[in-house]
Amino acid sequence: MSQKTFSKIPDSRETSLLIDCPSCGGSSFKIHWQADQGVWQICRSCSLILQNPQPQQEDILQRYDSEYFDYETRNEEGFLKLMLLGLKDVGFSEWDVLSSEEKTFLDIGCATGRLGAWLNDSGWKAQGVEVCREAAAYGNSHYNIDIFPGTLEEAGFVDNHFRFVHASHVIEHLNRPDLFLQEIYRILKPGGIFYCITPNSSGFQALIFAHKWRSVIADHLYLFSRKTLKLSARAQGFSILRTKTWGGLGVGYAPGLLKNIADKLVKPLGWGDVMMMVLQKPSGEEN
């Protein structure tokens, strides 16, 4: 059986608070999954799945330490391959025709900056944001990429600045995904694109494994479905360009042949384990 996604065991000194749904403001929930590392409830109004009670940001940020840095450096080439495959699948290469001035790209939660470095080598102007300070420092020195060490809000980018923003497996880690989407909307140029990658709670694996699904971990405060991510994005002004999902069964869950069949079947149905939603800020819209 494959292990769950990497996650830190919560410190016993952390505090948790009950919250209202950040997507719709609802305050009525029912338990959806109970696991060793937390309780995930579902909002009765909009169906968003969230960890509730929820650890606070100052505690969560402490989890992104040297152990997390080691995990990212060990896996950076594999993660780069997956990100490039995902971007290719949603048609990112169509933007190669843009002028160099338009090829501005921000990678949020960029870890060591491997994706941004690859883009810069390909003629882009990429920057990063990363809360793990060791990873940010490594990327700045090793790949010569500008990575801000902190949160997106702390970075304080100017309005209408980036043509593209990318966040792979970030939004599910945040206390306020609504404010995160607002900030991305603000810093995107009119017509700008946001590539949002996150686990898919409406996928096949979530359905069959329930609370034993590999994404039900302490670090995941939210688990979006295709429906709830669309609702959250539209509430902040984004339009939805396309959605793709990948992954039928994780490595180790089934023999190779069965896994390959499952991977091929879930993709056209939108039942993959991970989804990428391509969001756009309307053209001509200023902040």
C-alpha atoms as a PDB file:
ATOM      1  CA  MET A   1       0.000   0.000   0.000  1.00  0.00           C
ATOM      2  CA  SER A   2       1.378   3.411  -0.965  1.00  0.00           C
ATOM      3  CA  GLN A   3       2.006   5.881   1.824  1.00  0.00           C
ATOM      4  CA  LYS A   4       0.169   9.158   2.183  1.00  0.00           C
ATOM      5  CA  THR A   5       1.590  12.400   0.870  1.00  0.00           C
ATOM      6  CA  PHE A   6       4.447  13.911   2.911  1.00  0.00           C
ATOM      7  CA  SER A   7       3.170  15.796   5.956  1.00  0.00           C
ATOM      8  CA  LYS A   8       4.504  17.026   9.272  1.00  0.00           C
ATOM      9  CA  ILE A   9       3.078  15.627  12.493  1.00  0.00           C
ATOM     10  CA  PRO A  10       1.436  18.571  14.277  1.00  0.00           C
ATOM     11  CA  ASP A  11       3.304  19.865  17.323  1.00  0.00           C
ATOM     12  CA  SER A  12       1.439  19.275  20.578  1.00  0.00           C
ATOM     13  CA  ARG A  13       1.754  22.992  21.352  1.00  0.00           C
ATOM     14  CA  GLU A  14      -0.263  24.030  18.323  1.00  0.00           C
ATOM     15  CA  THR A  15      -3.699  25.521  18.859  1.00  0.00           C
ATOM     16  CA  SER A  16      -6.764  24.993  16.677  1.00  0.00           C
ATOM     17  CA  LEU A  17      -9.884  27.089  16.240  1.00  0.00           C
ATOM     18  CA  LEU A  18     -13.299  26.460  14.748  1.00  0.00           C
ATOM     19  CA  ILE A  19     -13.897  28.620  11.680  1.00  0.00           C
ATOM     20  CA  ASP A  20     -16.668  29.560   9.264  1.00  0.00           C
ATOM     21  CA  CYS A  21     -16.401  28.458   5.646  1.00  0.00           C
ATOM     22  CA  PRO A  22     -14.114  30.923   3.821  1.00  0.00           C
ATOM     23  CA  SER A  23     -15.798  30.156   0.508  1.00  0.00           C
ATOM     24  CA  CYS A  24     -19.443  30.915   1.344  1.00  0.00           C
ATOM     25  CA  GLY A  25     -19.378  32.126   4.951  1.00  0.00           C
ATOM     26  CA  GLY A  26     -21.425  29.165   6.142  1.00  0.00           C
ATOM     27  CA  SER A  27     -21.223  28.057   9.762  1.00  0.00           C
ATOM     28  CA  SER A  28     -23.014  24.714   9.564  1.00  0.00           C
ATOM     29  CA  PHE A  29     -20.881  21.620   8.998  1.00  0.00           C
ATOM     30  CA  LYS A  30     -21.022  17.871   9.311  1.00  0.00           C
ATOM     31  CA  ILE A  31     -18.126  15.485   9.805  1.00  0.00           C
ATOM     32  CA  HIS A  32     -16.896  14.117   6.484  1.00  0.00           C
ATOM     33  CA  TRP A  33     -13.676  12.313   7.432  1.00  0.00           C
ATOM     34  CA  GLN A  34     -11.992  11.555  10.729  1.00  0.00           C
ATOM     35  CA  ALA A  35      -8.344  10.547  10.582  1.00  0.00           C
ATOM     36  CA  ASP A  36      -5.377  10.243  12.917  1.00  0.00           C
ATOM     37  CA  GLN A  37      -4.179  13.762  12.118  1.00  0.00           C
ATOM     38  CA  GLY A  38      -7.427  15.724  12.200  1.00  0.00           C
ATOM     39  CA  VAL A  39     -11.114  16.078  11.452  1.00  0.00           C
ATOM     40  CA  TRP A  40     -12.353  17.194   8.042  1.00  0.00           C
ATOM     41  CA  GLN A  41     -15.852  18.593   7.889  1.00  0.00           C
ATOM     42  CA  ILE A  42     -18.008  19.478   4.905  1.00  0.00           C
ATOM     43  CA  CYS A  43     -19.821  22.784   4.617  1.00  0.00           C
ATOM     44  CA  ARG A  44     -23.567  22.201   4.433  1.00  0.00           C
ATOM     45  CA  SER A  45     -23.960  25.273   2.198  1.00  0.00           C
ATOM     46  CA  CYS A  46     -21.309  24.846  -0.505  1.00  0.00           C
ATOM     47  CA  SER A  47     -19.827  21.344   0.139  1.00  0.00           C
ATOM     48  CA  LEU A  48     -16.260  22.563   0.677  1.00  0.00           C
ATOM     49  CA  ILE A  49     -14.246  20.019   2.699  1.00  0.00           C
ATOM     50  CA  LEU A  50     -12.061  21.634   5.350  1.00  0.00           C
ATOM     51  CA  GLN A  51     -10.121  20.736   8.440  1.00  0.00           C
ATOM     52  CA  ASN A  52     -12.191  22.131  11.300  1.00  0.00           C
ATOM     53  CA  PRO A  53     -11.087  22.975  13.950  1.00  0.00           C
ATOM     54  CA  GLN A  54      -8.085  24.367  12.106  1.00  0.00           C
ATOM     55  CA  PRO A  55      -4.472  25.043  13.145  1.00  0.00           C
ATOM     56  CA  GLN A  56      -3.341  28.658  12.903  1.00  0.00           C
ATOM     57  CA  GLN A  57      -0.987  30.132  10.313  1.00  0.00           C
ATOM     58  CA  GLU A  58       1.882  30.891  12.706  1.00  0.00           C
ATOM     59  CA  ASP A  59       1.956  27.220  13.709  1.00  0.00           C
ATOM     60  CA  ILE A  60       1.593  25.917  10.172  1.00  0.00           C
ATOM     61  CA  LEU A  61       4.527  27.980   8.910  1.00  0.00           C
ATOM     62  CA  GLN A  62       6.782  26.323  11.487  1.00  0.00           C
ATOM     63  CA  ARG A  63       6.192  22.991   9.750  1.00  0.00           C
ATOM     64  CA  TYR A  64       8.146  24.073   6.670  1.00  0.00           C
ATOM     65  CA  ASP A  65      11.547  23.425   8.195  1.00  0.00           C
ATOM     66  CA  SER A  66      14.743  21.551   7.328  1.00  0.00           C
ATOM     67  CA  GLU A  67      12.874  18.245   7.034  1.00  0.00           C
ATOM     68  CA  TYR A  68      10.570  19.766   4.426  1.00  0.00           C
ATOM     69  CA  PHE A  69      13.593  21.299   2.639  1.00  0.00           C
ATOM     70  CA  ASP A  70      15.292  17.896   2.468  1.00  0.00           C
ATOM     71  CA  TYR A  71      12.120  16.345   1.038  1.00  0.00           C
ATOM     72  CA  GLU A  72      11.896  19.028  -1.661  1.00  0.00           C
ATOM     73  CA  THR A  73      15.559  18.810  -2.687  1.00  0.00           C
ATOM     74  CA  ARG A  74      15.390  15.008  -2.919  1.00  0.00           C
ATOM     75  CA  ASN A  75      12.374  15.179  -5.200  1.00  0.00           C
ATOM     76  CA  GLU A  76      12.883  18.398  -7.163  1.00  0.00           C
ATOM     77  CA  GLU A  77      13.613  16.758 -10.530  1.00  0.00           C
ATOM     78  CA  GLY A  78      10.594  14.467 -10.277  1.00  0.00           C
ATOM     79  CA  PHE A  79       8.356  17.359  -9.243  1.00  0.00           C
ATOM     80  CA  LEU A  80       9.668  19.463 -12.146  1.00  0.00           C
ATOM     81  CA  LYS A  81       8.775  16.683 -14.583  1.00  0.00           C
ATOM     82  CA  LEU A  82       5.239  16.433 -13.203  1.00  0.00           C
ATOM     83  CA  MET A  83       4.710  20.207 -13.339  1.00  0.00           C
ATOM     84  CA  LEU A  84       5.939  20.430 -16.918  1.00  0.00           C
ATOM     85  CA  LEU A  85       3.700  17.530 -17.961  1.00  0.00           C
ATOM     86  CA  GLY A  86       0.715  19.255 -16.362  1.00  0.00           C
ATOM     87  CA  LEU A  87       1.436  22.596 -18.006  1.00  0.00           C
ATOM     88  CA  LYS A  88       1.884  20.888 -21.363  1.00  0.00           C
ATOM     89  CA  ASP A  89      -1.462  19.122 -20.962  1.00  0.00           C
ATOM     90  CA  VAL A  90      -3.337  22.409 -20.454  1.00  0.00           C
ATOM     91  CA  GLY A  91      -1.673  24.093 -23.441  1.00  0.00           C
ATOM     92  CA  PHE A  92       0.946  26.270 -21.726  1.00  0.00           C
ATOM     93  CA  SER A  93       3.220  26.019 -24.770  1.00  0.00           C
ATOM     94  CA  GLU A  94       0.760  28.165 -26.761  1.00  0.00           C
ATOM     95  CA  TRP A  95       2.171  31.182 -24.902  1.00  0.00           C
ATOM     96  CA  ASP A  96       5.670  30.704 -26.345  1.00  0.00           C
ATOM     97  CA  VAL A  97       4.721  33.192 -29.072  1.00  0.00           C
ATOM     98  CA  LEU A  98       4.443  36.053 -26.561  1.00  0.00           C
ATOM     99  CA  SER A  99       7.077  38.771 -26.445  1.00  0.00           C
ATOM    100  CA  SER A 100       9.699  38.538 -23.710  1.00  0.00           C
ATOM    101  CA  GLU A 101       8.029  41.462 -21.888  1.00  0.00           C
ATOM    102  CA  GLU A 102       4.815  39.437 -21.569  1.00  0.00           C
ATOM    103  CA  LYS A 103       6.504  36.285 -20.288  1.00  0.00           C
ATOM    104  CA  THR A 104       6.284  37.254 -16.612  1.00  0.00           C
ATOM    105  CA  PHE A 105       5.681  34.237 -14.387  1.00  0.00           C
ATOM    106  CA  LEU A 106       5.327  33.832 -10.629  1.00  0.00           C
ATOM    107  CA  ASP A 107       5.597  30.397  -9.026  1.00  0.00           C
ATOM    108  CA  ILE A 108       4.029  30.377  -5.544  1.00  0.00           C
ATOM    109  CA  GLY A 109       5.227  27.663  -3.198  1.00  0.00           C
ATOM    110  CA  CYS A 110       8.141  27.220  -5.566  1.00  0.00           C
ATOM    111  CA  ALA A 111      10.317  25.197  -3.127  1.00  0.00           C
ATOM    112  CA  THR A 112      13.842  25.282  -4.571  1.00  0.00           C
ATOM    113  CA  GLY A 113      12.729  27.259  -7.628  1.00  0.00           C
ATOM    114  CA  ARG A 114      13.356  24.451 -10.093  1.00  0.00           C
ATOM    115  CA  LEU A 115      10.395  25.312 -12.343  1.00  0.00           C
ATOM    116  CA  GLY A 116      11.241  29.012 -12.422  1.00  0.00           C
ATOM    117  CA  ALA A 117      14.862  28.252 -13.232  1.00  0.00           C
ATOM    118  CA  TRP A 118      13.778  26.020 -16.127  1.00  0.00           C
ATOM    119  CA  LEU A 119      11.521  28.787 -17.442  1.00  0.00           C
ATOM    120  CA  ASN A 120      14.250  31.415 -17.146  1.00  0.00           C
ATOM    121  CA  ASP A 121      16.561  29.176 -19.169  1.00  0.00           C
ATOM    122  CA  SER A 122      13.776  29.070 -21.787  1.00  0.00           C
ATOM    123  CA  GLY A 123      13.449  32.842 -22.157  1.00  0.00           C
ATOM    124  CA  TRP A 124      10.921  33.641 -19.431  1.00  0.00           C
ATOM    125  CA  LYS A 125      11.105  36.103 -16.543  1.00  0.00           C
ATOM    126  CA  ALA A 126      10.184  33.917 -13.595  1.00  0.00           C
ATOM    127  CA  GLN A 127      10.174  34.657  -9.885  1.00  0.00           C
ATOM    128  CA  GLY A 128       9.161  32.606  -6.868  1.00  0.00           C
ATOM    129  CA  VAL A 129       7.601  32.796  -3.421  1.00  0.00           C
ATOM    130  CA  GLU A 130       8.410  30.185  -0.786  1.00  0.00           C
ATOM    131  CA  VAL A 131       7.679  30.037   2.969  1.00  0.00           C
ATOM    132  CA  CYS A 132      10.498  27.561   3.655  1.00  0.00           C
ATOM    133  CA  ARG A 133      13.427  29.936   4.034  1.00  0.00           C
ATOM    134  CA  GLU A 134      16.041  27.224   3.506  1.00  0.00           C
ATOM    135  CA  ALA A 135      14.469  26.298   0.176  1.00  0.00           C
ATOM    136  CA  ALA A 136      14.203  29.953  -0.896  1.00  0.00           C
ATOM    137  CA  ALA A 137      17.852  30.612  -0.031  1.00  0.00           C
ATOM    138  CA  TYR A 138      18.918  27.460  -1.876  1.00  0.00           C
ATOM    139  CA  GLY A 139      17.017  28.465  -5.011  1.00  0.00           C
ATOM    140  CA  ASN A 140      18.360  32.008  -4.936  1.00  0.00           C
ATOM    141  CA  SER A 141      21.965  30.824  -4.727  1.00  0.00           C
ATOM    142  CA  HIS A 142      21.850  27.546  -6.637  1.00  0.00           C
ATOM    143  CA  TYR A 143      19.572  28.524  -9.525  1.00  0.00           C
ATOM    144  CA  ASN A 144      20.017  32.305  -9.479  1.00  0.00           C
ATOM    145  CA  ILE A 145      16.255  32.852  -9.357  1.00  0.00           C
ATOM    146  CA  ASP A 146      14.569  35.629  -7.384  1.00  0.00           C
ATOM    147  CA  ILE A 147      12.588  33.870  -4.635  1.00  0.00           C
ATOM    148  CA  PHE A 148      10.834  35.851  -1.919  1.00  0.00           C
ATOM    149  CA  PRO A 149      11.158  34.051   1.461  1.00  0.00           C
ATOM    150  CA  GLY A 150       7.693  34.307   3.001  1.00  0.00           C
ATOM    151  CA  THR A 151       4.024  34.299   2.110  1.00  0.00           C
ATOM    152  CA  LEU A 152       2.490  35.755  -1.034  1.00  0.00           C
ATOM    153  CA  GLU A 153       0.862  38.543   0.983  1.00  0.00           C
ATOM    154  CA  GLU A 154       4.195  39.446   2.597  1.00  0.00           C
ATOM    155  CA  ALA A 155       5.848  39.717  -0.822  1.00  0.00           C
ATOM    156  CA  GLY A 156       3.720  42.782  -1.624  1.00  0.00           C
ATOM    157  CA  PHE A 157       3.874  42.652  -5.407  1.00  0.00           C
ATOM    158  CA  VAL A 158       2.382  45.629  -7.253  1.00  0.00           C
ATOM    159  CA  ASP A 159      -1.029  45.515  -8.939  1.00  0.00           C
ATOM    160  CA  ASN A 160      -1.400  44.018 -12.424  1.00  0.00           C
ATOM    161  CA  HIS A 161       2.189  42.779 -12.514  1.00  0.00           C
ATOM    162  CA  PHE A 162       2.344  39.149 -13.691  1.00  0.00           C
ATOM    163  CA  ARG A 163       1.010  37.641 -16.897  1.00  0.00           C
ATOM    164  CA  PHE A 164       1.065  34.146 -15.369  1.00  0.00           C
ATOM    165  CA  VAL A 165       0.868  32.794 -11.838  1.00  0.00           C
ATOM    166  CA  HIS A 166       1.367  29.139 -10.903  1.00  0.00           C
ATOM    167  CA  ALA A 167       0.728  27.401  -7.575  1.00  0.00           C
ATOM    168  CA  SER A 168       1.209  23.643  -7.374  1.00  0.00           C
ATOM    169  CA  HIS A 169      -0.155  22.013  -4.203  1.00  0.00           C
ATOM    170  CA  VAL A 170      -0.362  25.276  -2.270  1.00  0.00           C
ATOM    171  CA  ILE A 171      -3.992  26.373  -1.899  1.00  0.00           C
ATOM    172  CA  GLU A 172      -4.931  23.336   0.203  1.00  0.00           C
ATOM    173  CA  HIS A 173      -2.293  24.321   2.821  1.00  0.00           C
ATOM    174  CA  LEU A 174      -3.650  27.821   3.521  1.00  0.00           C
ATOM    175  CA  ASN A 175      -5.991  29.053   6.235  1.00  0.00           C
ATOM    176  CA  ARG A 176      -7.630  31.559   3.900  1.00  0.00           C
ATOM    177  CA  PRO A 177      -7.770  30.293   0.320  1.00  0.00           C
ATOM    178  CA  ASP A 178     -10.256  33.082  -0.458  1.00  0.00           C
ATOM    179  CA  LEU A 179      -7.708  35.790   0.416  1.00  0.00           C
ATOM    180  CA  PHE A 180      -5.034  33.884  -1.503  1.00  0.00           C
ATOM    181  CA  LEU A 181      -7.198  33.953  -4.632  1.00  0.00           C
ATOM    182  CA  GLN A 182      -7.910  37.657  -4.075  1.00  0.00           C
ATOM    183  CA  GLU A 183      -4.206  38.438  -3.900  1.00  0.00           C
ATOM    184  CA  ILE A 184      -3.454  36.478  -7.069  1.00  0.00           C
ATOM    185  CA  TYR A 185      -6.275  38.318  -8.839  1.00  0.00           C
ATOM    186  CA  ARG A 186      -4.759  41.638  -7.729  1.00  0.00           C
ATOM    187  CA  ILE A 187      -1.234  40.946  -8.970  1.00  0.00           C
ATOM    188  CA  LEU A 188      -2.302  39.420 -12.305  1.00  0.00           C
ATOM    189  CA  LYS A 189      -2.434  41.629 -15.360  1.00  0.00           C
ATOM    190  CA  PRO A 190      -5.851  41.938 -17.022  1.00  0.00           C
ATOM    191  CA  GLY A 191      -6.284  38.763 -19.043  1.00  0.00           C
ATOM    192  CA  GLY A 192      -3.648  37.039 -16.892  1.00  0.00           C
ATOM    193  CA  ILE A 193      -3.705  33.309 -16.205  1.00  0.00           C
ATOM    194  CA  PHE A 194      -3.534  31.411 -12.923  1.00  0.00           C
ATOM    195  CA  TYR A 195      -2.612  27.705 -12.973  1.00  0.00           C
ATOM    196  CA  CYS A 196      -3.941  26.153  -9.752  1.00  0.00           C
ATOM    197  CA  ILE A 197      -2.977  22.538  -8.961  1.00  0.00           C
ATOM    198  CA  THR A 198      -4.456  20.747  -5.946  1.00  0.00           C
ATOM    199  CA  PRO A 199      -5.733  17.305  -4.875  1.00  0.00           C
ATOM    200  CA  ASN A 200      -9.155  16.441  -6.274  1.00  0.00           C
ATOM    201  CA  SER A 201     -11.603  15.386  -3.561  1.00  0.00           C
ATOM    202  CA  SER A 202     -14.126  14.455  -6.277  1.00  0.00           C
ATOM    203  CA  GLY A 203     -11.649  12.006  -7.766  1.00  0.00           C
ATOM    204  CA  PHE A 204     -11.662   8.215  -7.863  1.00  0.00           C
ATOM    205  CA  GLN A 205      -9.086   7.730  -5.112  1.00  0.00           C
ATOM    206  CA  ALA A 206     -10.873  10.049  -2.686  1.00  0.00           C
ATOM    207  CA  LEU A 207     -14.099   8.138  -3.338  1.00  0.00           C
ATOM    208  CA  ILE A 208     -12.725   4.662  -2.714  1.00  0.00           C
ATOM    209  CA  PHE A 209     -10.237   5.382   0.096  1.00  0.00           C
ATOM    210  CA  ALA A 210     -12.216   8.067   2.004  1.00  0.00           C
ATOM    211  CA  HIS A 211     -10.328   9.073   5.186  1.00  0.00           C
ATOM    212  CA  LYS A 212      -7.446   6.804   4.129  1.00  0.00           C
ATOM    213  CA  TRP A 213      -6.994   8.790   0.906  1.00  0.00           C
ATOM    214  CA  ARG A 214      -3.371   9.870   0.630  1.00  0.00           C
ATOM    215  CA  SER A 215      -4.283  13.571   0.651  1.00  0.00           C
ATOM    216  CA  VAL A 216      -6.097  13.429   4.009  1.00  0.00           C
ATOM    217  CA  ILE A 217      -3.080  14.709   5.955  1.00  0.00           C
ATOM    218  CA  ALA A 218      -2.505  17.278   8.679  1.00  0.00           C
ATOM    219  CA  ASP A 219      -0.954  19.832   6.320  1.00  0.00           C
ATOM    220  CA  HIS A 220      -4.018  19.885   4.042  1.00  0.00           C
ATOM    221  CA  LEU A 221      -6.493  22.312   5.577  1.00  0.00           C
ATOM    222  CA  TYR A 222      -8.809  22.172   2.542  1.00  0.00           C
ATOM    223  CA  LEU A 223      -9.616  19.456   0.035  1.00  0.00           C
ATOM    224  CA  PHE A 224     -11.313  20.947  -2.996  1.00  0.00           C
ATOM    225  CA  SER A 225     -13.540  19.202  -5.483  1.00  0.00           C
ATOM    226  CA  ARG A 226     -13.875  20.483  -9.030  1.00  0.00           C
ATOM    227  CA  LYS A 227     -17.172  22.069  -7.968  1.00  0.00           C
ATOM    228  CA  THR A 228     -15.905  23.829  -4.837  1.00  0.00           C
ATOM    229  CA  LEU A 229     -12.721  25.130  -6.472  1.00  0.00           C
ATOM    230  CA  LYS A 230     -14.809  26.611  -9.293  1.00  0.00           C
ATOM    231  CA  LEU A 231     -17.141  28.260  -6.782  1.00  0.00           C
ATOM    232  CA  SER A 232     -14.223  29.708  -4.828  1.00  0.00           C
ATOM    233  CA  ALA A 233     -12.493  31.015  -7.957  1.00  0.00           C
ATOM    234  CA  ARG A 234     -15.621  32.578  -9.431  1.00  0.00           C
ATOM    235  CA  ALA A 235     -16.382  34.282  -6.110  1.00  0.00           C
ATOM    236  CA  GLN A 236     -13.092  36.200  -6.519  1.00  0.00           C
ATOM    237  CA  GLY A 237     -13.810  37.232 -10.116  1.00  0.00           C
ATOM    238  CA  PHE A 238     -11.996  34.546 -12.081  1.00  0.00           C
ATOM    239  CA  SER A 239     -13.373  32.793 -15.124  1.00  0.00           C
ATOM    240  CA  ILE A 240     -12.625  29.093 -15.643  1.00  0.00           C
ATOM    241  CA  LEU A 241     -10.789  28.309 -18.876  1.00  0.00           C
ATOM    242  CA  ARG A 242     -10.283  24.565 -18.448  1.00  0.00           C
ATOM    243  CA  THR A 243      -9.788  21.809 -15.897  1.00  0.00           C
ATOM    244  CA  LYS A 244      -7.663  18.679 -16.220  1.00  0.00           C
ATOM    245  CA  THR A 245      -7.199  15.823 -13.774  1.00  0.00           C
ATOM    246  CA  TRP A 246      -4.577  13.069 -13.545  1.00  0.00           C
ATOM    247  CA  GLY A 247      -3.934   9.870 -11.627  1.00  0.00           C
ATOM    248  CA  GLY A 248      -6.232   6.892 -11.271  1.00  0.00           C
ATOM    249  CA  LEU A 249      -4.333   4.915  -8.637  1.00  0.00           C
ATOM    250  CA  GLY A 250      -1.190   5.788  -6.715  1.00  0.00           C
ATOM    251  CA  VAL A 251       2.038   3.838  -7.066  1.00  0.00           C
ATOM    252  CA  GLY A 252       1.775   0.749  -4.876  1.00  0.00           C
ATOM    253  CA  TYR A 253      -2.025   0.632  -4.782  1.00  0.00           C
ATOM    254  CA  ALA A 254      -2.372  -1.835  -7.652  1.00  0.00           C
ATOM    255  CA  PRO A 255      -0.274  -3.840 -10.153  1.00  0.00           C
ATOM    256  CA  GLY A 256       1.290  -1.753 -12.909  1.00  0.00           C
ATOM    257  CA  LEU A 257      -1.112  -2.861 -15.646  1.00  0.00           C
ATOM    258  CA  LEU A 258      -4.200  -2.071 -13.548  1.00  0.00           C
ATOM    259  CA  LYS A 259      -2.748   1.290 -12.530  1.00  0.00           C
ATOM    260  CA  ASN A 260      -2.127   2.214 -16.179  1.00  0.00           C
ATOM    261  CA  ILE A 261      -5.702   1.302 -17.103  1.00  0.00           C
ATOM    262  CA  ALA A 262      -7.103   3.323 -14.185  1.00  0.00           C
ATOM    263  CA  ASP A 263      -4.923   6.337 -15.077  1.00  0.00           C
ATOM    264  CA  LYS A 264      -6.243   6.328 -18.640  1.00  0.00           C
ATOM    265  CA  LEU A 265      -9.877   5.872 -17.636  1.00  0.00           C
ATOM    266  CA  VAL A 266     -10.155   8.635 -15.033  1.00  0.00           C
ATOM    267  CA  LYS A 267      -8.615  11.385 -17.135  1.00  0.00           C
ATOM    268  CA  PRO A 268     -11.460  11.969 -19.647  1.00  0.00           C
ATOM    269  CA  LEU A 269     -13.994  11.565 -16.829  1.00  0.00           C
ATOM    270  CA  GLY A 270     -12.354  14.194 -14.616  1.00  0.00           C
ATOM    271  CA  TRP A 271     -11.897  11.677 -11.804  1.00  0.00           C
ATOM    272  CA  GLY A 272      -8.129  11.968 -11.465  1.00  0.00           C
ATOM    273  CA  ASP A 273      -6.437  12.280  -8.091  1.00  0.00           C
ATOM    274  CA  VAL A 274      -4.940  15.704  -8.842  1.00  0.00           C
ATOM    275  CA  MET A 275      -6.512  18.553 -10.800  1.00  0.00           C
ATOM    276  CA  MET A 276      -5.236  21.657 -12.518  1.00  0.00           C
ATOM    277  CA  MET A 277      -7.736  24.458 -12.963  1.00  0.00           C
ATOM    278  CA  VAL A 278      -6.792  27.220 -15.398  1.00  0.00           C
ATOM    279  CA  LEU A 279      -8.278  30.503 -14.223  1.00  0.00           C
ATOM    280  CA  GLN A 280      -8.269  33.883 -15.938  1.00  0.00           C
ATOM    281  CA  LYS A 281      -8.631  37.463 -14.771  1.00  0.00           C
ATOM    282  CA  PRO A 282     -10.972  39.228 -17.214  1.00  0.00           C
ATOM    283  CA  SER A 283      -9.290  41.320 -19.903  1.00  0.00           C
ATOM    284  CA  GLY A 284      -9.501  45.053 -19.400  1.00  0.00           C
ATOM    285  CA  GLU A 285     -10.163  44.710 -15.676  1.00  0.00           C
ATOM    286  CA  GLU A 286      -7.976  46.854 -13.430  1.00  0.00           C
ATOM    287  CA  ASN A 287      -7.779  46.478  -9.645  1.00  0.00           C
END
